Amino acid sequence: MAHATSFYKTLFGSSGESSLKLAETFWQGRGGLFEDEKLVLVKPFSEEEVKAAIFEMKSVSALGPNGFGAHFFKNCWTLINGDYMSLFKDFLMVTWT
């Protein structure tokens, strides 16, 4: 267990400081987002979007950290969609407040 944990911490963990630096003027003249484009990035997830994302996943994919795989979410969607949408709503409130 310790070996596997160490392997994945090394694989996905921080690699420390990077010597790559961007000039302070890097983004100047490159344009930005218009207000309507910014709003799209922070709008709440619709149930259709979440359902589409789940149903596009491979049913036989590996289990998530909660122990459930895509197959579970697809088969139980009608039972869990309310709770799942609440999770995304809470996520947005924490992220953008």
C-alpha atoms as a PDB file:
ATOM      1  CA  MET A   1       0.000   0.000   0.000  1.00  0.00           C
ATOM      2  CA  ALA A   2       2.811   2.418   0.877  1.00  0.00           C
ATOM      3  CA  HIS A   3       4.588   1.663  -2.408  1.00  0.00           C
ATOM      4  CA  ALA A   4       1.424   2.288  -4.484  1.00  0.00           C
ATOM      5  CA  THR A   5       0.636   5.487  -2.592  1.00  0.00           C
ATOM      6  CA  SER A   6       4.166   6.775  -3.051  1.00  0.00           C
ATOM      7  CA  PHE A   7       4.102   5.927  -6.770  1.00  0.00           C
ATOM      8  CA  TYR A   8       0.916   7.899  -7.434  1.00  0.00           C
ATOM      9  CA  LYS A   9       1.935  10.830  -5.247  1.00  0.00           C
ATOM     10  CA  THR A  10       5.124  11.068  -7.290  1.00  0.00           C
ATOM     11  CA  LEU A  11       3.250  10.626 -10.574  1.00  0.00           C
ATOM     12  CA  PHE A  12       0.516  13.188  -9.906  1.00  0.00           C
ATOM     13  CA  GLY A  13       2.128  15.364  -7.263  1.00  0.00           C
ATOM     14  CA  SER A  14       3.821  18.704  -7.572  1.00  0.00           C
ATOM     15  CA  SER A  15       7.167  18.738  -9.278  1.00  0.00           C
ATOM     16  CA  GLY A  16       8.380  21.791  -7.394  1.00  0.00           C
ATOM     17  CA  GLU A  17       9.364  25.152  -8.757  1.00  0.00           C
ATOM     18  CA  SER A  18       9.460  25.712 -12.481  1.00  0.00           C
ATOM     19  CA  SER A  19      12.048  27.878 -14.163  1.00  0.00           C
ATOM     20  CA  LEU A  20       9.491  28.786 -16.838  1.00  0.00           C
ATOM     21  CA  LYS A  21       8.383  32.395 -16.426  1.00  0.00           C
ATOM     22  CA  LEU A  22       6.126  34.548 -18.587  1.00  0.00           C
ATOM     23  CA  ALA A  23       6.972  38.154 -19.258  1.00  0.00           C
ATOM     24  CA  GLU A  24       4.655  40.623 -17.527  1.00  0.00           C
ATOM     25  CA  THR A  25       3.548  41.817 -20.967  1.00  0.00           C
ATOM     26  CA  PHE A  26       2.756  38.319 -22.246  1.00  0.00           C
ATOM     27  CA  TRP A  27      -1.038  38.769 -22.257  1.00  0.00           C
ATOM     28  CA  GLN A  28      -1.055  42.351 -23.556  1.00  0.00           C
ATOM     29  CA  GLY A  29      -2.647  42.680 -26.966  1.00  0.00           C
ATOM     30  CA  ARG A  30      -3.929  39.102 -26.928  1.00  0.00           C
ATOM     31  CA  GLY A  31      -7.507  40.099 -26.287  1.00  0.00           C
ATOM     32  CA  GLY A  32      -9.730  38.898 -23.561  1.00  0.00           C
ATOM     33  CA  LEU A  33     -13.168  37.532 -23.079  1.00  0.00           C
ATOM     34  CA  PHE A  34     -16.285  39.526 -23.778  1.00  0.00           C
ATOM     35  CA  GLU A  35     -18.772  39.807 -20.912  1.00  0.00           C
ATOM     36  CA  ASP A  36     -21.144  37.232 -22.425  1.00  0.00           C
ATOM     37  CA  GLU A  37     -18.228  34.797 -22.793  1.00  0.00           C
ATOM     38  CA  LYS A  38     -17.283  35.287 -19.136  1.00  0.00           C
ATOM     39  CA  LEU A  39     -20.842  34.537 -18.033  1.00  0.00           C
ATOM     40  CA  VAL A  40     -20.814  31.193 -19.865  1.00  0.00           C
ATOM     41  CA  LEU A  41     -17.825  30.119 -17.768  1.00  0.00           C
ATOM     42  CA  VAL A  42     -19.579  30.708 -14.448  1.00  0.00           C
ATOM     43  CA  LYS A  43     -23.164  29.741 -15.259  1.00  0.00           C
ATOM     44  CA  PRO A  44     -24.697  26.906 -13.249  1.00  0.00           C
ATOM     45  CA  PHE A  45     -24.570  23.414 -14.698  1.00  0.00           C
ATOM     46  CA  SER A  46     -27.852  22.256 -16.214  1.00  0.00           C
ATOM     47  CA  GLU A  47     -29.189  18.810 -15.445  1.00  0.00           C
ATOM     48  CA  GLU A  48     -28.965  18.015 -19.151  1.00  0.00           C
ATOM     49  CA  GLU A  49     -25.236  18.875 -19.191  1.00  0.00           C
ATOM     50  CA  VAL A  50     -24.476  16.745 -16.141  1.00  0.00           C
ATOM     51  CA  LYS A  51     -26.550  13.816 -17.419  1.00  0.00           C
ATOM     52  CA  ALA A  52     -24.892  14.023 -20.854  1.00  0.00           C
ATOM     53  CA  ALA A  53     -21.424  13.998 -19.260  1.00  0.00           C
ATOM     54  CA  ILE A  54     -22.278  10.953 -17.141  1.00  0.00           C
ATOM     55  CA  PHE A  55     -23.923   9.039 -19.962  1.00  0.00           C
ATOM     56  CA  GLU A  56     -20.951   9.671 -22.277  1.00  0.00           C
ATOM     57  CA  MET A  57     -18.638   7.887 -19.811  1.00  0.00           C
ATOM     58  CA  LYS A  58     -17.687   4.257 -20.419  1.00  0.00           C
ATOM     59  CA  SER A  59     -19.903   2.091 -18.237  1.00  0.00           C
ATOM     60  CA  VAL A  60     -17.052  -0.294 -17.477  1.00  0.00           C
ATOM     61  CA  SER A  61     -14.592   2.401 -16.428  1.00  0.00           C
ATOM     62  CA  ALA A  62     -12.746   2.260 -13.128  1.00  0.00           C
ATOM     63  CA  LEU A  63     -14.549   3.133  -9.938  1.00  0.00           C
ATOM     64  CA  GLY A  64     -14.302   6.689  -8.676  1.00  0.00           C
ATOM     65  CA  PRO A  65     -12.937   7.701  -5.273  1.00  0.00           C
ATOM     66  CA  ASN A  66     -16.412   7.173  -3.821  1.00  0.00           C
ATOM     67  CA  GLY A  67     -16.377   3.525  -4.927  1.00  0.00           C
ATOM     68  CA  PHE A  68     -19.006   3.978  -7.630  1.00  0.00           C
ATOM     69  CA  GLY A  69     -18.435   3.688 -11.365  1.00  0.00           C
ATOM     70  CA  ALA A  70     -20.239   5.229 -14.311  1.00  0.00           C
ATOM     71  CA  HIS A  71     -22.468   2.161 -14.566  1.00  0.00           C
ATOM     72  CA  PHE A  72     -23.973   2.956 -11.154  1.00  0.00           C
ATOM     73  CA  PHE A  73     -24.651   6.603 -12.011  1.00  0.00           C
ATOM     74  CA  LYS A  74     -26.263   5.694 -15.331  1.00  0.00           C
ATOM     75  CA  ASN A  75     -28.506   3.008 -13.849  1.00  0.00           C
ATOM     76  CA  CYS A  76     -29.507   5.062 -10.816  1.00  0.00           C
ATOM     77  CA  TRP A  77     -29.771   8.481 -12.463  1.00  0.00           C
ATOM     78  CA  THR A  78     -33.512   8.836 -11.844  1.00  0.00           C
ATOM     79  CA  LEU A  79     -32.943   8.201  -8.132  1.00  0.00           C
ATOM     80  CA  ILE A  80     -29.794  10.291  -7.597  1.00  0.00           C
ATOM     81  CA  ASN A  81     -30.136  13.187 -10.027  1.00  0.00           C
ATOM     82  CA  GLY A  82     -31.618  15.559  -7.432  1.00  0.00           C
ATOM     83  CA  ASP A  83     -28.842  14.898  -4.929  1.00  0.00           C
ATOM     84  CA  TYR A  84     -26.211  15.031  -7.647  1.00  0.00           C
ATOM     85  CA  MET A  85     -27.465  18.362  -8.959  1.00  0.00           C
ATOM     86  CA  SER A  86     -27.411  19.707  -5.394  1.00  0.00           C
ATOM     87  CA  LEU A  87     -23.770  18.665  -5.200  1.00  0.00           C
ATOM     88  CA  PHE A  88     -22.961  20.708  -8.318  1.00  0.00           C
ATOM     89  CA  LYS A  89     -24.956  23.672  -7.006  1.00  0.00           C
ATOM     90  CA  ASP A  90     -22.992  23.564  -3.737  1.00  0.00           C
ATOM     91  CA  PHE A  91     -19.747  23.275  -5.692  1.00  0.00           C
ATOM     92  CA  LEU A  92     -20.538  26.442  -7.650  1.00  0.00           C
ATOM     93  CA  MET A  93     -21.504  28.341  -4.504  1.00  0.00           C
ATOM     94  CA  VAL A  94     -18.231  27.422  -2.794  1.00  0.00           C
ATOM     95  CA  THR A  95     -16.145  28.061  -5.912  1.00  0.00           C
ATOM     96  CA  TRP A  96     -17.540  31.466  -6.865  1.00  0.00           C
ATOM     97  CA  THR A  97     -18.318  33.033  -3.495  1.00  0.00           C
END
